[in-house]
């Protein structure tokens, strides 16, 4: 199973996350794809996701933080499902010596997302 982290805006207006996996063998609609690379040691201060999107981590290990101090780590081969397009935002920083190479796959907010939450 491929690990996924869903980052979303809660009813309280803050960014939160939940861990889970992606369903395999299912097709889901995608609107666009783009690629980006940030050098090792990079960080990005408070921001919201620009659109609903899957962020597929190809290389690099990052720590994400919400304004409430919640943190999670994103590793190569994992997928961030960024849904917090509003609210108090999140930030990230690189925590290894690799560049962060990733693919952004945007989808329409009305489309079903590929995410199975971990059992509590």
C-alpha atoms as a PDB file:
ATOM      1  CA  UNK A   1       0.000   0.000   0.000  1.00  0.00           C
ATOM      2  CA  UNK A   2       1.175   3.510  -0.757  1.00  0.00           C
ATOM      3  CA  UNK A   3       1.187   5.805   2.280  1.00  0.00           C
ATOM      4  CA  UNK A   4      -0.777   9.032   1.970  1.00  0.00           C
ATOM      5  CA  UNK A   5      -1.328  12.028   4.214  1.00  0.00           C
ATOM      6  CA  UNK A   6      -4.452  14.120   3.743  1.00  0.00           C
ATOM      7  CA  UNK A   7      -3.909  17.770   4.698  1.00  0.00           C
ATOM      8  CA  UNK A   8      -7.216  19.613   5.022  1.00  0.00           C
ATOM      9  CA  UNK A   9      -8.926  22.615   6.603  1.00  0.00           C
ATOM     10  CA  UNK A  10     -11.064  21.602   9.562  1.00  0.00           C
ATOM     11  CA  UNK A  11     -14.324  23.145  10.723  1.00  0.00           C
ATOM     12  CA  UNK A  12     -12.221  25.244  13.120  1.00  0.00           C
ATOM     13  CA  UNK A  13     -10.459  26.960  10.176  1.00  0.00           C
ATOM     14  CA  UNK A  14      -7.102  25.322  10.936  1.00  0.00           C
ATOM     15  CA  UNK A  15      -5.074  22.935   8.800  1.00  0.00           C
ATOM     16  CA  UNK A  16      -5.052  19.350  10.092  1.00  0.00           C
ATOM     17  CA  UNK A  17      -3.852  16.029   8.714  1.00  0.00           C
ATOM     18  CA  UNK A  18      -4.824  12.387   8.761  1.00  0.00           C
ATOM     19  CA  UNK A  19      -2.712   9.441   7.616  1.00  0.00           C
ATOM     20  CA  UNK A  20      -3.842   6.606   5.403  1.00  0.00           C
ATOM     21  CA  UNK A  21      -3.152   4.864   2.124  1.00  0.00           C
ATOM     22  CA  UNK A  22      -4.121   5.062  -1.523  1.00  0.00           C
ATOM     23  CA  UNK A  23      -6.416   2.508  -3.102  1.00  0.00           C
ATOM     24  CA  UNK A  24      -4.620   0.567  -5.815  1.00  0.00           C
ATOM     25  CA  UNK A  25      -6.020  -0.384  -9.224  1.00  0.00           C
ATOM     26  CA  UNK A  26      -8.486   2.536  -9.233  1.00  0.00           C
ATOM     27  CA  UNK A  27      -8.562   5.292 -11.818  1.00  0.00           C
ATOM     28  CA  UNK A  28      -9.186   8.850 -10.674  1.00  0.00           C
ATOM     29  CA  UNK A  29      -9.628  11.970 -12.769  1.00  0.00           C
ATOM     30  CA  UNK A  30      -6.718  14.439 -12.901  1.00  0.00           C
ATOM     31  CA  UNK A  31      -6.841  17.959 -14.295  1.00  0.00           C
ATOM     32  CA  UNK A  32      -3.132  18.701 -14.750  1.00  0.00           C
ATOM     33  CA  UNK A  33       0.350  17.669 -13.701  1.00  0.00           C
ATOM     34  CA  UNK A  34       3.464  19.733 -13.063  1.00  0.00           C
ATOM     35  CA  UNK A  35       6.904  18.961 -11.680  1.00  0.00           C
ATOM     36  CA  UNK A  36       9.104  20.915  -9.315  1.00  0.00           C
ATOM     37  CA  UNK A  37      12.459  20.582  -7.589  1.00  0.00           C
ATOM     38  CA  UNK A  38      13.708  22.420  -4.504  1.00  0.00           C
ATOM     39  CA  UNK A  39      17.340  22.149  -3.368  1.00  0.00           C
ATOM     40  CA  UNK A  40      18.347  20.367  -0.173  1.00  0.00           C
ATOM     41  CA  UNK A  41      17.920  22.602   2.858  1.00  0.00           C
ATOM     42  CA  UNK A  42      14.881  24.388   1.440  1.00  0.00           C
ATOM     43  CA  UNK A  43      11.851  25.469   3.414  1.00  0.00           C
ATOM     44  CA  UNK A  44       8.593  27.235   2.651  1.00  0.00           C
ATOM     45  CA  UNK A  45       6.883  29.385   5.268  1.00  0.00           C
ATOM     46  CA  UNK A  46       3.139  29.534   6.004  1.00  0.00           C
ATOM     47  CA  UNK A  47       0.982  28.979   2.931  1.00  0.00           C
ATOM     48  CA  UNK A  48      -2.172  27.257   1.769  1.00  0.00           C
ATOM     49  CA  UNK A  49      -2.354  24.765  -1.059  1.00  0.00           C
ATOM     50  CA  UNK A  50      -2.989  26.723  -4.285  1.00  0.00           C
ATOM     51  CA  UNK A  51      -5.495  24.105  -5.449  1.00  0.00           C
ATOM     52  CA  UNK A  52      -6.676  20.630  -4.485  1.00  0.00           C
ATOM     53  CA  UNK A  53      -3.850  18.341  -5.526  1.00  0.00           C
ATOM     54  CA  UNK A  54      -1.865  15.188  -4.980  1.00  0.00           C
ATOM     55  CA  UNK A  55       1.794  15.930  -4.234  1.00  0.00           C
ATOM     56  CA  UNK A  56       3.832  12.850  -5.126  1.00  0.00           C
ATOM     57  CA  UNK A  57       7.159  12.878  -3.308  1.00  0.00           C
ATOM     58  CA  UNK A  58       9.885  11.483  -5.577  1.00  0.00           C
ATOM     59  CA  UNK A  59      12.980  12.405  -3.522  1.00  0.00           C
ATOM     60  CA  UNK A  60      13.632  14.307  -0.309  1.00  0.00           C
ATOM     61  CA  UNK A  61      12.254  14.030   3.211  1.00  0.00           C
ATOM     62  CA  UNK A  62      10.251  16.888   4.674  1.00  0.00           C
ATOM     63  CA  UNK A  63       8.636  17.861   7.916  1.00  0.00           C
ATOM     64  CA  UNK A  64       5.291  19.647   7.631  1.00  0.00           C
ATOM     65  CA  UNK A  65       3.769  21.702  10.423  1.00  0.00           C
ATOM     66  CA  UNK A  66       0.328  23.252  10.962  1.00  0.00           C
ATOM     67  CA  UNK A  67      -0.316  26.447  12.939  1.00  0.00           C
ATOM     68  CA  UNK A  68      -1.536  24.287  15.831  1.00  0.00           C
ATOM     69  CA  UNK A  69       1.891  22.616  15.977  1.00  0.00           C
ATOM     70  CA  UNK A  70       0.791  19.296  14.450  1.00  0.00           C
ATOM     71  CA  UNK A  71       3.655  17.757  12.455  1.00  0.00           C
ATOM     72  CA  UNK A  72       4.142  14.912  10.019  1.00  0.00           C
ATOM     73  CA  UNK A  73       6.966  13.654   7.829  1.00  0.00           C
ATOM     74  CA  UNK A  74       6.653  13.130   4.071  1.00  0.00           C
ATOM     75  CA  UNK A  75       9.120  10.648   2.553  1.00  0.00           C
ATOM     76  CA  UNK A  76       9.969   9.538  -0.995  1.00  0.00           C
ATOM     77  CA  UNK A  77       7.252   7.310  -2.437  1.00  0.00           C
ATOM     78  CA  UNK A  78       4.533   8.857  -0.278  1.00  0.00           C
ATOM     79  CA  UNK A  79       1.697  11.110  -1.404  1.00  0.00           C
ATOM     80  CA  UNK A  80       0.422  14.291   0.194  1.00  0.00           C
ATOM     81  CA  UNK A  81      -3.203  15.087  -0.608  1.00  0.00           C
ATOM     82  CA  UNK A  82      -3.262  18.861  -0.207  1.00  0.00           C
ATOM     83  CA  UNK A  83      -6.777  20.153   0.422  1.00  0.00           C
ATOM     84  CA  UNK A  84      -6.123  23.097   2.772  1.00  0.00           C
ATOM     85  CA  UNK A  85      -6.729  25.833   0.210  1.00  0.00           C
ATOM     86  CA  UNK A  86      -8.171  28.077   2.965  1.00  0.00           C
ATOM     87  CA  UNK A  87      -7.586  28.517   6.672  1.00  0.00           C
ATOM     88  CA  UNK A  88      -4.488  28.976   8.807  1.00  0.00           C
ATOM     89  CA  UNK A  89      -2.107  27.128   6.481  1.00  0.00           C
ATOM     90  CA  UNK A  90       0.952  24.899   6.837  1.00  0.00           C
ATOM     91  CA  UNK A  91       4.693  25.127   6.288  1.00  0.00           C
ATOM     92  CA  UNK A  92       7.465  22.665   5.431  1.00  0.00           C
ATOM     93  CA  UNK A  93      11.206  22.220   5.713  1.00  0.00           C
ATOM     94  CA  UNK A  94      13.639  19.703   4.281  1.00  0.00           C
ATOM     95  CA  UNK A  95      15.145  17.377   6.887  1.00  0.00           C
ATOM     96  CA  UNK A  96      17.603  15.376   4.781  1.00  0.00           C
ATOM     97  CA  UNK A  97      20.378  16.241   2.329  1.00  0.00           C
ATOM     98  CA  UNK A  98      18.435  15.431  -0.850  1.00  0.00           C
ATOM     99  CA  UNK A  99      16.576  17.835  -3.140  1.00  0.00           C
ATOM    100  CA  UNK A 100      12.791  17.651  -2.996  1.00  0.00           C
ATOM    101  CA  UNK A 101      11.612  16.407  -6.386  1.00  0.00           C
ATOM    102  CA  UNK A 102       7.845  16.108  -6.701  1.00  0.00           C
ATOM    103  CA  UNK A 103       4.890  15.968  -9.032  1.00  0.00           C
ATOM    104  CA  UNK A 104       1.747  18.007  -8.436  1.00  0.00           C
ATOM    105  CA  UNK A 105      -1.399  16.383  -9.812  1.00  0.00           C
ATOM    106  CA  UNK A 106      -4.341  18.769  -9.602  1.00  0.00           C
ATOM    107  CA  UNK A 107      -7.933  17.597  -9.501  1.00  0.00           C
ATOM    108  CA  UNK A 108     -11.337  19.222  -9.280  1.00  0.00           C
ATOM    109  CA  UNK A 109     -12.591  19.696  -5.716  1.00  0.00           C
ATOM    110  CA  UNK A 110     -15.816  17.915  -6.664  1.00  0.00           C
ATOM    111  CA  UNK A 111     -13.960  14.765  -7.757  1.00  0.00           C
ATOM    112  CA  UNK A 112     -13.579  11.799  -5.441  1.00  0.00           C
ATOM    113  CA  UNK A 113     -10.101  11.541  -3.954  1.00  0.00           C
ATOM    114  CA  UNK A 114      -8.114   8.357  -3.616  1.00  0.00           C
ATOM    115  CA  UNK A 115      -7.635   8.047   0.149  1.00  0.00           C
ATOM    116  CA  UNK A 116      -8.302   5.342   2.734  1.00  0.00           C
ATOM    117  CA  UNK A 117      -7.810   6.645   6.304  1.00  0.00           C
ATOM    118  CA  UNK A 118      -5.893   4.513   8.787  1.00  0.00           C
ATOM    119  CA  UNK A 119      -8.085   2.871  11.385  1.00  0.00           C
ATOM    120  CA  UNK A 120      -8.087   4.694  14.698  1.00  0.00           C
END
